[in-house]
Amino acid sequence: MVSGSWDGTAKIWDTTTGECKQTLEGHTHAVSVLTLPNGITITGSQDKKIRLWYAGNLQKEFVAHEDIVRGFTEVPDLGGFASISNDEMVKVWGVDGTHMMDLKGHTGFIFACDHLETGEIITGGDDCTVRVWLHGECKQTIQLPKTVWSVSHNRQGDILVGCEDKKIRIFTRDPSRENTGEDFKEYEEECKQGAKNSEMDMNKLLEFSTQV
């Protein structure tokens, strides 16, 4: 297991003994981490840099964003990973650090990202939206009432979203589980209130609908 910390390091842990096997140093601020199935560990920090590690050894370091590197998600279909940042950009990289593409659309800090089995990348952040990306394009924007702090998915392919308002919402493509009752009406009203000063069109909630 690999963890990142505010002390500017990442640590590799033995999950059996609980002991720290190695400390990965070099960043100057809080560190985000992702370890790929091939054993490559990716770290990023407020220093705007991404570092690639293998077997505890630094393989490559480069300036990746114009602001804080917030997090990562694997992008299996492209054989690489995506990074998110306060610079409002999602960037896709090869496992060797080769820059593949930029995903532009967010209008605030990006705090969370994940990938779906469909190959889509999902991101969320301070602009109170979750965005669904495929083949370099934003396929859908889902409005939320408040800042998005966390995005994930379940085995059904639903999107799970955690927001500043302390609520978790689930969005689904399965019509049989779509919620059109009181929970949906409450969500819709909250979004309308949150979107009063936004250009977001609340009628364009495509594909993914609120489950709870």
Protein backbone atom coordinates (compact mmCIF):
# COMPACT_ATOMS: atom_id res chain seq x y z
CA MET A 1 0.00 0.00 0.00
CA VAL A 2 1.19 3.52 -0.77
CA SER A 3 0.09 6.66 1.08
CA GLY A 4 0.71 10.37 0.54
CA SER A 5 1.07 12.96 3.28
CA TRP A 6 1.21 16.66 4.10
CA ASP A 7 4.85 16.16 5.07
CA GLY A 8 5.84 16.07 1.38
CA THR A 9 6.46 12.33 1.22
CA ALA A 10 4.80 9.14 0.05
CA LYS A 11 5.31 5.92 1.99
CA ILE A 12 5.19 2.28 0.90
CA TRP A 13 3.69 0.03 3.58
CA ASP A 14 3.75 -3.70 4.26
CA THR A 15 0.05 -4.51 4.70
CA THR A 16 0.88 -7.67 6.64
CA THR A 17 3.15 -6.17 9.28
CA GLY A 18 2.02 -2.55 9.09
CA GLU A 19 5.63 -1.43 8.77
CA CYS A 20 6.87 1.31 6.45
CA LYS A 21 9.11 -0.31 3.84
CA GLN A 22 10.25 2.85 2.08
CA THR A 23 9.76 6.62 2.03
CA LEU A 24 9.57 8.41 -1.34
CA GLU A 25 10.95 11.91 -0.90
CA GLY A 26 11.35 14.94 -3.13
CA HIS A 27 8.04 16.81 -3.16
CA THR A 28 7.83 19.98 -1.09
CA HIS A 29 4.15 19.96 -0.09
CA ALA A 30 1.16 17.62 0.40
CA VAL A 31 1.35 14.54 -1.83
CA SER A 32 -1.32 12.67 -3.85
CA VAL A 33 -0.58 9.10 -4.94
CA LEU A 34 -1.72 6.40 -7.35
CA THR A 35 -0.16 2.97 -7.90
CA LEU A 36 -0.91 1.25 -11.23
CA PRO A 37 -1.31 -2.53 -11.65
CA ASN A 38 2.12 -2.69 -13.30
CA GLY A 39 3.75 -1.46 -10.08
CA ILE A 40 4.43 2.12 -11.16
CA THR A 41 3.63 4.63 -8.42
CA ILE A 42 2.65 8.17 -9.39
CA THR A 43 2.97 11.09 -6.99
CA GLY A 44 1.93 14.73 -7.35
CA SER A 45 2.02 17.78 -5.13
CA GLN A 46 1.53 21.49 -4.63
CA ASP A 47 4.91 21.90 -6.34
CA LYS A 48 2.99 21.27 -9.62
CA LYS A 49 5.18 18.26 -10.38
CA ILE A 50 4.44 14.61 -11.10
CA ARG A 51 6.97 11.95 -10.19
CA LEU A 52 6.99 8.39 -11.51
CA TRP A 53 8.46 5.65 -9.29
CA TYR A 54 9.16 1.98 -9.80
CA ALA A 55 10.39 -0.42 -7.10
CA GLY A 56 10.90 2.59 -4.86
CA ASN A 57 13.22 4.35 -7.33
CA LEU A 58 12.48 7.65 -9.05
CA GLN A 59 12.16 7.13 -12.81
CA LYS A 60 10.97 10.53 -14.00
CA GLU A 61 9.99 13.98 -12.71
CA PHE A 62 8.27 16.77 -14.65
CA VAL A 63 6.17 19.91 -14.17
CA ALA A 64 2.67 18.75 -15.08
CA HIS A 65 0.30 21.58 -14.21
CA GLU A 66 0.23 25.32 -13.60
CA ASP A 67 -1.10 24.82 -10.07
CA ILE A 68 -1.49 22.18 -7.35
CA VAL A 69 -1.74 18.55 -8.53
CA ARG A 70 -4.81 17.29 -6.66
CA GLY A 71 -5.13 13.65 -7.63
CA PHE A 72 -4.99 10.84 -10.17
CA THR A 73 -7.00 8.06 -11.71
CA GLU A 74 -5.95 5.17 -13.89
CA VAL A 75 -7.10 5.28 -17.55
CA PRO A 76 -6.80 1.61 -18.60
CA ASP A 77 -8.22 2.06 -22.11
CA LEU A 78 -5.41 4.48 -22.96
CA GLY A 79 -2.74 2.61 -21.01
CA GLY A 80 -2.04 5.53 -18.73
CA PHE A 81 -3.45 7.83 -16.09
CA ALA A 82 -5.15 11.20 -15.65
CA SER A 83 -4.20 14.02 -13.29
CA ILE A 84 -6.35 16.85 -11.93
CA SER A 85 -5.35 20.27 -10.66
CA ASN A 86 -6.34 23.66 -9.31
CA ASP A 87 -5.54 24.98 -12.80
CA GLU A 88 -8.97 23.63 -13.91
CA MET A 89 -7.35 21.11 -16.23
CA VAL A 90 -7.59 17.33 -16.53
CA LYS A 91 -4.51 15.91 -18.22
CA VAL A 92 -4.02 12.39 -19.57
CA TRP A 93 -0.55 10.82 -19.55
CA GLY A 94 1.08 7.62 -20.73
CA VAL A 95 2.69 5.38 -18.11
CA ASP A 96 6.07 6.82 -19.13
CA GLY A 97 4.88 10.38 -18.49
CA THR A 98 4.17 11.21 -22.13
CA HIS A 99 1.49 13.91 -22.36
CA MET A 100 -1.48 12.57 -24.34
CA MET A 101 -4.28 15.12 -24.07
CA ASP A 102 -5.90 17.94 -22.08
CA LEU A 103 -9.54 17.87 -21.01
CA LYS A 104 -10.87 21.43 -20.72
CA GLY A 105 -14.25 22.39 -19.31
CA HIS A 106 -14.15 22.89 -15.56
CA THR A 107 -14.32 26.48 -14.33
CA GLY A 108 -12.92 25.92 -10.84
CA PHE A 109 -10.47 23.82 -8.87
CA ILE A 110 -10.82 20.09 -9.64
CA PHE A 111 -10.85 18.00 -6.47
CA ALA A 112 -11.83 14.47 -7.52
CA CYS A 113 -11.54 11.98 -10.37
CA ASP A 114 -12.26 8.36 -11.22
CA HIS A 115 -12.71 6.14 -14.28
CA LEU A 116 -15.62 3.95 -15.34
CA GLU A 117 -15.56 0.49 -16.93
CA THR A 118 -16.88 2.15 -20.11
CA GLY A 119 -13.54 3.97 -20.47
CA GLU A 120 -15.03 7.28 -19.37
CA ILE A 121 -13.23 9.59 -16.95
CA ILE A 122 -15.31 11.39 -14.33
CA THR A 123 -14.19 14.56 -12.55
CA GLY A 124 -15.71 16.95 -10.03
CA GLY A 125 -14.76 20.16 -8.30
CA ASP A 126 -15.35 23.69 -7.12
CA ASP A 127 -17.61 24.62 -10.05
CA CYS A 128 -20.29 22.35 -8.53
CA THR A 129 -20.30 19.96 -11.47
CA VAL A 130 -19.35 16.39 -12.31
CA ARG A 131 -18.10 15.99 -15.86
CA VAL A 132 -18.05 12.77 -17.87
CA TRP A 133 -15.26 12.55 -20.46
CA LEU A 134 -14.75 10.15 -23.35
CA HIS A 135 -12.23 10.28 -26.22
CA GLY A 136 -11.05 13.71 -25.13
CA GLU A 137 -14.51 15.29 -25.06
CA CYS A 138 -16.91 16.21 -22.27
CA LYS A 139 -19.96 14.01 -22.97
CA GLN A 140 -22.06 15.21 -20.04
CA THR A 141 -22.07 17.81 -17.28
CA ILE A 142 -24.02 16.98 -14.13
CA GLN A 143 -24.97 19.95 -11.96
CA LEU A 144 -24.63 19.66 -8.18
CA PRO A 145 -25.79 22.16 -5.53
CA LYS A 146 -22.37 22.59 -3.90
CA THR A 147 -18.65 21.93 -4.38
CA VAL A 148 -17.87 18.33 -5.34
CA TRP A 149 -15.25 16.80 -3.06
CA SER A 150 -15.41 13.14 -4.09
CA VAL A 151 -16.41 11.02 -7.09
CA SER A 152 -16.41 7.24 -7.38
CA HIS A 153 -18.42 4.41 -8.94
CA ASN A 154 -20.00 1.11 -7.95
CA ARG A 155 -20.28 -2.28 -9.65
CA GLN A 156 -23.39 -1.17 -11.56
CA GLY A 157 -21.47 1.68 -13.16
CA ASP A 158 -23.34 4.31 -11.17
CA ILE A 159 -21.54 7.53 -10.23
CA LEU A 160 -21.26 8.30 -6.50
CA VAL A 161 -20.78 11.96 -5.62
CA GLY A 162 -19.89 13.52 -2.26
CA CYS A 163 -20.56 17.24 -1.90
CA GLU A 164 -19.88 20.15 0.41
CA ASP A 165 -23.51 19.96 1.59
CA LYS A 166 -22.63 16.69 3.39
CA LYS A 167 -24.79 14.58 1.05
CA ILE A 168 -23.89 11.60 -1.13
CA ARG A 169 -25.83 11.32 -4.39
CA ILE A 170 -25.87 8.41 -6.82
CA PHE A 171 -26.41 8.90 -10.55
CA THR A 172 -27.43 5.97 -12.73
CA ARG A 173 -28.00 5.10 -16.39
CA ASP A 174 -30.41 2.32 -15.41
CA PRO A 175 -34.01 3.57 -15.94
CA SER A 176 -35.37 0.90 -13.58
CA ARG A 177 -33.52 2.49 -10.65
CA GLU A 178 -34.12 6.13 -11.54
CA ASN A 179 -35.62 8.14 -8.69
CA THR A 180 -38.32 10.61 -9.74
CA GLY A 181 -39.87 11.01 -6.29
CA GLU A 182 -39.31 13.41 -3.42
CA ASP A 183 -35.54 12.86 -3.33
CA PHE A 184 -35.22 13.89 -6.96
CA LYS A 185 -37.45 16.94 -6.50
CA GLU A 186 -35.34 18.02 -3.53
CA TYR A 187 -32.14 17.56 -5.56
CA GLU A 188 -33.61 19.51 -8.47
CA GLU A 189 -34.61 22.42 -6.24
CA GLU A 190 -31.21 22.48 -4.55
CA CYS A 191 -29.51 22.59 -7.95
CA LYS A 192 -31.76 25.39 -9.15
CA GLN A 193 -30.85 27.42 -6.09
CA GLY A 194 -27.18 26.70 -6.59
CA ALA A 195 -27.34 27.51 -10.31
CA LYS A 196 -29.03 30.91 -10.00
CA ASN A 197 -25.75 32.66 -10.68
CA SER A 198 -24.53 30.03 -13.16
CA GLU A 199 -24.97 29.56 -16.90
CA MET A 200 -25.82 25.89 -16.34
CA ASP A 201 -28.98 24.71 -18.13
CA MET A 202 -30.81 22.51 -15.64
CA ASN A 203 -32.75 20.83 -18.48
CA LYS A 204 -29.56 19.22 -19.82
CA LEU A 205 -29.13 16.41 -17.29
CA LEU A 206 -28.51 13.68 -19.88
CA GLU A 207 -28.02 9.92 -19.50
CA PHE A 208 -27.17 9.83 -15.80
CA SER A 209 -30.22 10.46 -13.60
CA THR A 210 -30.47 10.72 -9.84
CA GLN A 211 -31.04 7.43 -8.04
CA VAL A 212 -31.09 8.71 -4.45
